[in-house]
């Protein structure tokens, strides 16, 4: 299972990072420097047309917003429960 996690230093991204670690899920973290406007780069726009972080990509799914990501992580890995 490969999880790509696009993040920045924002609190919402930190929340997802902690969840991935708590669930012991392997993931690749890709830094998106929102202070430099990297969320508007064409490569990131292909992944997330809303230009927000965090974004999680897994098995063809693209999940935006930290709460939705936490719910998704609970679905694919029930323990420990996050929500």
PDB file of N, CA and C in Angstrom:
ATOM      1  N   UNK A   1       0.853  -1.167   0.000  1.00  0.00           N
ATOM      2  CA  UNK A   1       0.000   0.000   0.000  1.00  0.00           C
ATOM      3  C   UNK A   1       0.898   1.228   0.000  1.00  0.00           C
ATOM      4  N   UNK A   2       0.744   2.057  -0.997  1.00  0.00           N
ATOM      5  CA  UNK A   2       1.502   3.295  -1.058  1.00  0.00           C
ATOM      6  C   UNK A   2       0.564   4.464  -0.825  1.00  0.00           C
ATOM      7  N   UNK A   3       0.908   5.259   0.137  1.00  0.00           N
ATOM      8  CA  UNK A   3       0.137   6.455   0.441  1.00  0.00           C
ATOM      9  C   UNK A   3       1.037   7.650   0.182  1.00  0.00           C
ATOM     10  N   UNK A   4       0.567   8.553  -0.648  1.00  0.00           N
ATOM     11  CA  UNK A   4       1.269   9.815  -0.858  1.00  0.00           C
ATOM     12  C   UNK A   4       0.508  10.887  -0.096  1.00  0.00           C
ATOM     13  N   UNK A   5       1.229  11.627   0.674  1.00  0.00           N
ATOM     14  CA  UNK A   5       0.638  12.638   1.538  1.00  0.00           C
ATOM     15  C   UNK A   5       1.286  13.972   1.207  1.00  0.00           C
ATOM     16  N   UNK A   6       0.508  14.869   0.621  1.00  0.00           N
ATOM     17  CA  UNK A   6       1.016  16.189   0.284  1.00  0.00           C
ATOM     18  C   UNK A   6       0.677  17.145   1.414  1.00  0.00           C
ATOM     19  N   UNK A   7       1.693  17.787   1.953  1.00  0.00           N
ATOM     20  CA  UNK A   7       1.481  18.552   3.167  1.00  0.00           C
ATOM     21  C   UNK A   7       2.295  19.828   3.186  1.00  0.00           C
ATOM     22  N   UNK A   8       2.033  20.579   4.197  1.00  0.00           N
ATOM     23  CA  UNK A   8       2.802  21.783   4.500  1.00  0.00           C
ATOM     24  C   UNK A   8       2.964  21.817   6.013  1.00  0.00           C
ATOM     25  N   UNK A   9       3.398  22.920   6.532  1.00  0.00           N
ATOM     26  CA  UNK A   9       3.537  23.042   7.975  1.00  0.00           C
ATOM     27  C   UNK A   9       2.238  23.374   8.688  1.00  0.00           C
ATOM     28  N   UNK A  10       1.137  23.362   7.975  1.00  0.00           N
ATOM     29  CA  UNK A  10      -0.160  23.741   8.543  1.00  0.00           C
ATOM     30  C   UNK A  10      -0.646  22.722   9.573  1.00  0.00           C
ATOM     31  N   UNK A  11      -1.493  23.185  10.494  1.00  0.00           N
ATOM     32  CA  UNK A  11      -2.035  22.312  11.537  1.00  0.00           C
ATOM     33  C   UNK A  11      -2.801  21.131  10.970  1.00  0.00           C
ATOM     34  N   UNK A  12      -3.583  21.347   9.928  1.00  0.00           N
ATOM     35  CA  UNK A  12      -4.369  20.258   9.344  1.00  0.00           C
ATOM     36  C   UNK A  12      -3.456  19.168   8.803  1.00  0.00           C
ATOM     37  N   UNK A  13      -2.365  19.550   8.185  1.00  0.00           N
ATOM     38  CA  UNK A  13      -1.412  18.571   7.667  1.00  0.00           C
ATOM     39  C   UNK A  13      -0.744  17.823   8.818  1.00  0.00           C
ATOM     40  N   UNK A  14      -0.430  18.528   9.892  1.00  0.00           N
ATOM     41  CA  UNK A  14       0.171  17.893  11.065  1.00  0.00           C
ATOM     42  C   UNK A  14      -0.766  16.842  11.647  1.00  0.00           C
ATOM     43  N   UNK A  15      -2.047  17.142  11.700  1.00  0.00           N
ATOM     44  CA  UNK A  15      -3.060  16.213  12.211  1.00  0.00           C
ATOM     45  C   UNK A  15      -3.031  14.902  11.420  1.00  0.00           C
ATOM     46  N   UNK A  16      -2.958  15.006  10.103  1.00  0.00           N
ATOM     47  CA  UNK A  16      -2.936  13.806   9.257  1.00  0.00           C
ATOM     48  C   UNK A  16      -1.619  13.057   9.429  1.00  0.00           C
ATOM     49  N   UNK A  17      -0.521  13.776   9.508  1.00  0.00           N
ATOM     50  CA  UNK A  17       0.787  13.144   9.706  1.00  0.00           C
ATOM     51  C   UNK A  17       0.779  12.313  10.990  1.00  0.00           C
ATOM     52  N   UNK A  18       0.260  12.871  12.067  1.00  0.00           N
ATOM     53  CA  UNK A  18       0.180  12.150  13.342  1.00  0.00           C
ATOM     54  C   UNK A  18      -0.694  10.904  13.188  1.00  0.00           C
ATOM     55  N   UNK A  19      -1.807  11.018  12.496  1.00  0.00           N
ATOM     56  CA  UNK A  19      -2.705   9.878  12.287  1.00  0.00           C
ATOM     57  C   UNK A  19      -2.003   8.755  11.527  1.00  0.00           C
ATOM     58  N   UNK A  20      -1.270   9.096  10.487  1.00  0.00           N
ATOM     59  CA  UNK A  20      -0.547   8.079   9.716  1.00  0.00           C
ATOM     60  C   UNK A  20       0.482   7.361  10.583  1.00  0.00           C
ATOM     61  N   UNK A  21       1.165   8.116  11.430  1.00  0.00           N
ATOM     62  CA  UNK A  21       2.161   7.519  12.322  1.00  0.00           C
ATOM     63  C   UNK A  21       1.479   6.649  13.376  1.00  0.00           C
ATOM     64  N   UNK A  22       0.391   7.134  13.982  1.00  0.00           N
ATOM     65  CA  UNK A  22      -0.332   6.348  14.992  1.00  0.00           C
ATOM     66  C   UNK A  22      -0.829   5.021  14.428  1.00  0.00           C
ATOM     67  N   UNK A  23      -1.257   5.038  13.186  1.00  0.00           N
ATOM     68  CA  UNK A  23      -1.762   3.821  12.547  1.00  0.00           C
ATOM     69  C   UNK A  23      -0.636   2.977  11.955  1.00  0.00           C
ATOM     70  N   UNK A  24       0.587   3.476  12.063  1.00  0.00           N
ATOM     71  CA  UNK A  24       1.758   2.763  11.565  1.00  0.00           C
ATOM     72  C   UNK A  24       1.637   2.440  10.075  1.00  0.00           C
ATOM     73  N   UNK A  25       1.097   3.384   9.317  1.00  0.00           N
ATOM     74  CA  UNK A  25       0.940   3.211   7.877  1.00  0.00           C
ATOM     75  C   UNK A  25       2.136   3.825   7.158  1.00  0.00           C
ATOM     76  N   UNK A  26       2.742   3.084   6.246  1.00  0.00           N
ATOM     77  CA  UNK A  26       3.851   3.658   5.484  1.00  0.00           C
ATOM     78  C   UNK A  26       3.329   4.725   4.526  1.00  0.00           C
ATOM     79  N   UNK A  27       4.055   5.811   4.423  1.00  0.00           N
ATOM     80  CA  UNK A  27       3.609   6.874   3.526  1.00  0.00           C
ATOM     81  C   UNK A  27       4.806   7.667   3.017  1.00  0.00           C
ATOM     82  N   UNK A  28       4.603   8.271   1.875  1.00  0.00           N
ATOM     83  CA  UNK A  28       5.579   9.180   1.295  1.00  0.00           C
ATOM     84  C   UNK A  28       5.046  10.585   1.515  1.00  0.00           C
ATOM     85  N   UNK A  29       5.827  11.408   2.165  1.00  0.00           N
ATOM     86  CA  UNK A  29       5.400  12.784   2.406  1.00  0.00           C
ATOM     87  C   UNK A  29       6.042  13.710   1.380  1.00  0.00           C
ATOM     88  N   UNK A  30       5.222  14.507   0.750  1.00  0.00           N
ATOM     89  CA  UNK A  30       5.674  15.457  -0.261  1.00  0.00           C
ATOM     90  C   UNK A  30       5.355  16.853   0.258  1.00  0.00           C
ATOM     91  N   UNK A  31       6.382  17.648   0.450  1.00  0.00           N
ATOM     92  CA  UNK A  31       6.181  18.991   0.992  1.00  0.00           C
ATOM     93  C   UNK A  31       5.621  19.927  -0.075  1.00  0.00           C
ATOM     94  N   UNK A  32       4.567  20.618   0.275  1.00  0.00           N
ATOM     95  CA  UNK A  32       3.975  21.642  -0.590  1.00  0.00           C
ATOM     96  C   UNK A  32       4.076  22.958   0.181  1.00  0.00           C
ATOM     97  N   UNK A  33       5.023  23.777  -0.187  1.00  0.00           N
ATOM     98  CA  UNK A  33       5.280  25.029   0.526  1.00  0.00           C
ATOM     99  C   UNK A  33       4.229  26.071   0.136  1.00  0.00           C
ATOM    100  N   UNK A  34       3.198  26.172   0.960  1.00  0.00           N
ATOM    101  CA  UNK A  34       2.101  27.088   0.634  1.00  0.00           C
ATOM    102  C   UNK A  34       2.510  28.553   0.790  1.00  0.00           C
ATOM    103  N   UNK A  35       3.521  28.822   1.603  1.00  0.00           N
ATOM    104  CA  UNK A  35       3.984  30.205   1.753  1.00  0.00           C
ATOM    105  C   UNK A  35       4.645  30.711   0.472  1.00  0.00           C
ATOM    106  N   UNK A  36       5.176  29.780  -0.323  1.00  0.00           N
ATOM    107  CA  UNK A  36       5.785  30.138  -1.610  1.00  0.00           C
ATOM    108  C   UNK A  36       4.814  29.959  -2.769  1.00  0.00           C
ATOM    109  N   UNK A  37       3.583  29.554  -2.458  1.00  0.00           N
ATOM    110  CA  UNK A  37       2.577  29.381  -3.507  1.00  0.00           C
ATOM    111  C   UNK A  37       2.705  28.091  -4.300  1.00  0.00           C
ATOM    112  N   UNK A  38       3.405  27.089  -3.745  1.00  0.00           N
ATOM    113  CA  UNK A  38       3.625  25.829  -4.467  1.00  0.00           C
ATOM    114  C   UNK A  38       2.330  25.056  -4.709  1.00  0.00           C
ATOM    115  N   UNK A  39       1.279  25.375  -3.964  1.00  0.00           N
ATOM    116  CA  UNK A  39       0.004  24.687  -4.181  1.00  0.00           C
ATOM    117  C   UNK A  39      -0.616  25.060  -5.522  1.00  0.00           C
ATOM    118  N   UNK A  40      -0.070  26.077  -6.182  1.00  0.00           N
ATOM    119  CA  UNK A  40      -0.567  26.486  -7.498  1.00  0.00           C
ATOM    120  C   UNK A  40       0.297  25.967  -8.643  1.00  0.00           C
ATOM    121  N   UNK A  41       1.352  25.221  -8.322  1.00  0.00           N
ATOM    122  CA  UNK A  41       2.189  24.629  -9.367  1.00  0.00           C
ATOM    123  C   UNK A  41       1.352  23.671 -10.212  1.00  0.00           C
ATOM    124  N   UNK A  42       1.611  23.602 -11.508  1.00  0.00           N
ATOM    125  CA  UNK A  42       0.849  22.700 -12.383  1.00  0.00           C
ATOM    126  C   UNK A  42       0.852  21.244 -11.914  1.00  0.00           C
ATOM    127  N   UNK A  43       1.974  20.766 -11.395  1.00  0.00           N
ATOM    128  CA  UNK A  43       2.043  19.369 -10.941  1.00  0.00           C
ATOM    129  C   UNK A  43       1.084  19.124  -9.777  1.00  0.00           C
ATOM    130  N   UNK A  44       0.993  20.080  -8.852  1.00  0.00           N
ATOM    131  CA  UNK A  44       0.078  19.913  -7.724  1.00  0.00           C
ATOM    132  C   UNK A  44      -1.370  20.115  -8.161  1.00  0.00           C
ATOM    133  N   UNK A  45      -1.587  21.011  -9.103  1.00  0.00           N
ATOM    134  CA  UNK A  45      -2.936  21.245  -9.623  1.00  0.00           C
ATOM    135  C   UNK A  45      -3.506  19.979 -10.248  1.00  0.00           C
ATOM    136  N   UNK A  46      -2.657  19.154 -10.860  1.00  0.00           N
ATOM    137  CA  UNK A  46      -3.121  17.878 -11.415  1.00  0.00           C
ATOM    138  C   UNK A  46      -3.673  16.971 -10.324  1.00  0.00           C
ATOM    139  N   UNK A  47      -3.086  17.041  -9.151  1.00  0.00           N
ATOM    140  CA  UNK A  47      -3.513  16.206  -8.029  1.00  0.00           C
ATOM    141  C   UNK A  47      -4.692  16.834  -7.304  1.00  0.00           C
ATOM    142  N   UNK A  48      -4.665  18.143  -7.140  1.00  0.00           N
ATOM    143  CA  UNK A  48      -5.666  18.829  -6.331  1.00  0.00           C
ATOM    144  C   UNK A  48      -6.025  20.166  -6.968  1.00  0.00           C
ATOM    145  N   UNK A  49      -7.122  20.172  -7.679  1.00  0.00           N
ATOM    146  CA  UNK A  49      -7.554  21.383  -8.386  1.00  0.00           C
ATOM    147  C   UNK A  49      -8.035  22.488  -7.439  1.00  0.00           C
ATOM    148  N   UNK A  50      -8.272  22.132  -6.177  1.00  0.00           N
ATOM    149  CA  UNK A  50      -8.690  23.137  -5.193  1.00  0.00           C
ATOM    150  C   UNK A  50      -7.504  23.840  -4.543  1.00  0.00           C
ATOM    151  N   UNK A  51      -6.294  23.343  -4.804  1.00  0.00           N
ATOM    152  CA  UNK A  51      -5.053  23.970  -4.325  1.00  0.00           C
ATOM    153  C   UNK A  51      -4.972  24.044  -2.802  1.00  0.00           C
ATOM    154  N   UNK A  52      -5.482  23.030  -2.123  1.00  0.00           N
ATOM    155  CA  UNK A  52      -5.428  23.021  -0.660  1.00  0.00           C
ATOM    156  C   UNK A  52      -4.530  21.883  -0.188  1.00  0.00           C
ATOM    157  N   UNK A  53      -4.039  22.010   1.025  1.00  0.00           N
ATOM    158  CA  UNK A  53      -3.322  20.930   1.686  1.00  0.00           C
ATOM    159  C   UNK A  53      -4.004  20.700   3.026  1.00  0.00           C
ATOM    160  N   UNK A  54      -4.013  19.491   3.515  1.00  0.00           N
ATOM    161  CA  UNK A  54      -3.338  18.322   2.974  1.00  0.00           C
ATOM    162  C   UNK A  54      -4.164  17.617   1.897  1.00  0.00           C
ATOM    163  N   UNK A  55      -3.475  16.789   1.146  1.00  0.00           N
ATOM    164  CA  UNK A  55      -4.098  15.894   0.176  1.00  0.00           C
ATOM    165  C   UNK A  55      -3.490  14.520   0.378  1.00  0.00           C
ATOM    166  N   UNK A  56      -4.330  13.506   0.386  1.00  0.00           N
ATOM    167  CA  UNK A  56      -3.853  12.137   0.501  1.00  0.00           C
ATOM    168  C   UNK A  56      -4.249  11.388  -0.765  1.00  0.00           C
ATOM    169  N   UNK A  57      -3.299  10.665  -1.347  1.00  0.00           N
ATOM    170  CA  UNK A  57      -3.549   9.864  -2.542  1.00  0.00           C
ATOM    171  C   UNK A  57      -3.245   8.418  -2.196  1.00  0.00           C
ATOM    172  N   UNK A  58      -4.241   7.540  -2.438  1.00  0.00           N
ATOM    173  CA  UNK A  58      -4.086   6.121  -2.114  1.00  0.00           C
ATOM    174  C   UNK A  58      -5.000   5.296  -2.996  1.00  0.00           C
ATOM    175  N   UNK A  59      -4.442   4.317  -3.675  1.00  0.00           N
ATOM    176  CA  UNK A  59      -5.218   3.393  -4.518  1.00  0.00           C
ATOM    177  C   UNK A  59      -6.209   4.108  -5.432  1.00  0.00           C
ATOM    178  N   UNK A  60      -5.770   5.162  -6.078  1.00  0.00           N
ATOM    179  CA  UNK A  60      -6.636   5.880  -7.007  1.00  0.00           C
ATOM    180  C   UNK A  60      -7.574   6.883  -6.368  1.00  0.00           C
ATOM    181  N   UNK A  61      -7.594   6.948  -5.048  1.00  0.00           N
ATOM    182  CA  UNK A  61      -8.435   7.914  -4.331  1.00  0.00           C
ATOM    183  C   UNK A  61      -7.620   9.160  -4.023  1.00  0.00           C
ATOM    184  N   UNK A  62      -8.244  10.302  -4.162  1.00  0.00           N
ATOM    185  CA  UNK A  62      -7.648  11.576  -3.757  1.00  0.00           C
ATOM    186  C   UNK A  62      -8.569  12.191  -2.720  1.00  0.00           C
ATOM    187  N   UNK A  63      -8.055  12.319  -1.525  1.00  0.00           N
ATOM    188  CA  UNK A  63      -8.882  12.815  -0.435  1.00  0.00           C
ATOM    189  C   UNK A  63      -8.322  14.151   0.033  1.00  0.00           C
ATOM    190  N   UNK A  64      -9.196  15.131   0.102  1.00  0.00           N
ATOM    191  CA  UNK A  64      -8.840  16.468   0.562  1.00  0.00           C
ATOM    192  C   UNK A  64      -9.442  16.677   1.944  1.00  0.00           C
ATOM    193  N   UNK A  65      -8.934  17.629   2.653  1.00  0.00           N
ATOM    194  CA  UNK A  65      -9.438  18.018   3.973  1.00  0.00           C
ATOM    195  C   UNK A  65      -9.047  16.978   5.028  1.00  0.00           C
ATOM    196  N   UNK A  66      -8.502  17.450   6.114  1.00  0.00           N
ATOM    197  CA  UNK A  66      -7.954  16.550   7.124  1.00  0.00           C
ATOM    198  C   UNK A  66      -9.000  15.627   7.748  1.00  0.00           C
ATOM    199  N   UNK A  67     -10.183  16.112   8.038  1.00  0.00           N
ATOM    200  CA  UNK A  67     -11.206  15.257   8.649  1.00  0.00           C
ATOM    201  C   UNK A  67     -11.611  14.129   7.706  1.00  0.00           C
ATOM    202  N   UNK A  68     -11.786  14.432   6.441  1.00  0.00           N
ATOM    203  CA  UNK A  68     -12.119  13.392   5.457  1.00  0.00           C
ATOM    204  C   UNK A  68     -10.985  12.379   5.347  1.00  0.00           C
ATOM    205  N   UNK A  69      -9.747  12.847   5.442  1.00  0.00           N
ATOM    206  CA  UNK A  69      -8.603  11.933   5.394  1.00  0.00           C
ATOM    207  C   UNK A  69      -8.606  11.025   6.613  1.00  0.00           C
ATOM    208  N   UNK A  70      -8.874  11.573   7.795  1.00  0.00           N
ATOM    209  CA  UNK A  70      -8.924  10.747   9.010  1.00  0.00           C
ATOM    210  C   UNK A  70     -10.015   9.689   8.904  1.00  0.00           C
ATOM    211  N   UNK A  71     -11.167  10.054   8.383  1.00  0.00           N
ATOM    212  CA  UNK A  71     -12.252   9.082   8.194  1.00  0.00           C
ATOM    213  C   UNK A  71     -11.820   7.980   7.234  1.00  0.00           C
ATOM    214  N   UNK A  72     -11.162   8.350   6.153  1.00  0.00           N
ATOM    215  CA  UNK A  72     -10.680   7.372   5.176  1.00  0.00           C
ATOM    216  C   UNK A  72      -9.651   6.432   5.816  1.00  0.00           C
ATOM    217  N   UNK A  73      -8.739   6.984   6.597  1.00  0.00           N
ATOM    218  CA  UNK A  73      -7.736   6.148   7.258  1.00  0.00           C
ATOM    219  C   UNK A  73      -8.385   5.156   8.214  1.00  0.00           C
ATOM    220  N   UNK A  74      -9.443   5.576   8.911  1.00  0.00           N
ATOM    221  CA  UNK A  74     -10.177   4.649   9.778  1.00  0.00           C
ATOM    222  C   UNK A  74     -10.829   3.528   8.974  1.00  0.00           C
ATOM    223  N   UNK A  75     -11.244   3.818   7.751  1.00  0.00           N
ATOM    224  CA  UNK A  75     -11.848   2.783   6.903  1.00  0.00           C
ATOM    225  C   UNK A  75     -10.816   1.757   6.451  1.00  0.00           C
ATOM    226  N   UNK A  76      -9.641   2.218   6.053  1.00  0.00           N
ATOM    227  CA  UNK A  76      -8.651   1.272   5.515  1.00  0.00           C
ATOM    228  C   UNK A  76      -7.833   0.592   6.603  1.00  0.00           C
ATOM    229  N   UNK A  77      -7.750   1.212   7.773  1.00  0.00           N
ATOM    230  CA  UNK A  77      -7.010   0.645   8.908  1.00  0.00           C
ATOM    231  C   UNK A  77      -7.783   0.988  10.174  1.00  0.00           C
ATOM    232  N   UNK A  78      -8.688   0.084  10.603  1.00  0.00           N
ATOM    233  CA  UNK A  78      -9.604   0.400  11.706  1.00  0.00           C
ATOM    234  C   UNK A  78      -8.952   0.692  13.064  1.00  0.00           C
ATOM    235  N   UNK A  79      -7.778   0.154  13.317  1.00  0.00           N
ATOM    236  CA  UNK A  79      -7.159   0.340  14.638  1.00  0.00           C
ATOM    237  C   UNK A  79      -5.808   1.025  14.516  1.00  0.00           C
ATOM    238  N   UNK A  80      -5.508   1.911  15.421  1.00  0.00           N
ATOM    239  CA  UNK A  80      -6.393   2.480  16.424  1.00  0.00           C
ATOM    240  C   UNK A  80      -7.382   3.455  15.787  1.00  0.00           C
ATOM    241  N   UNK A  81      -8.546   3.492  16.345  1.00  0.00           N
ATOM    242  CA  UNK A  81      -9.622   4.342  15.833  1.00  0.00           C
ATOM    243  C   UNK A  81      -9.265   5.810  16.065  1.00  0.00           C
ATOM    244  N   UNK A  82      -9.479   6.631  15.053  1.00  0.00           N
ATOM    245  CA  UNK A  82      -9.173   8.061  15.165  1.00  0.00           C
ATOM    246  C   UNK A  82     -10.406   8.891  15.480  1.00  0.00           C
ATOM    247  N   UNK A  83     -11.533   8.509  14.879  1.00  0.00           N
ATOM    248  CA  UNK A  83     -12.761   9.297  15.030  1.00  0.00           C
ATOM    249  C   UNK A  83     -13.852   8.420  15.618  1.00  0.00           C
TER     250      UNK A  83
END
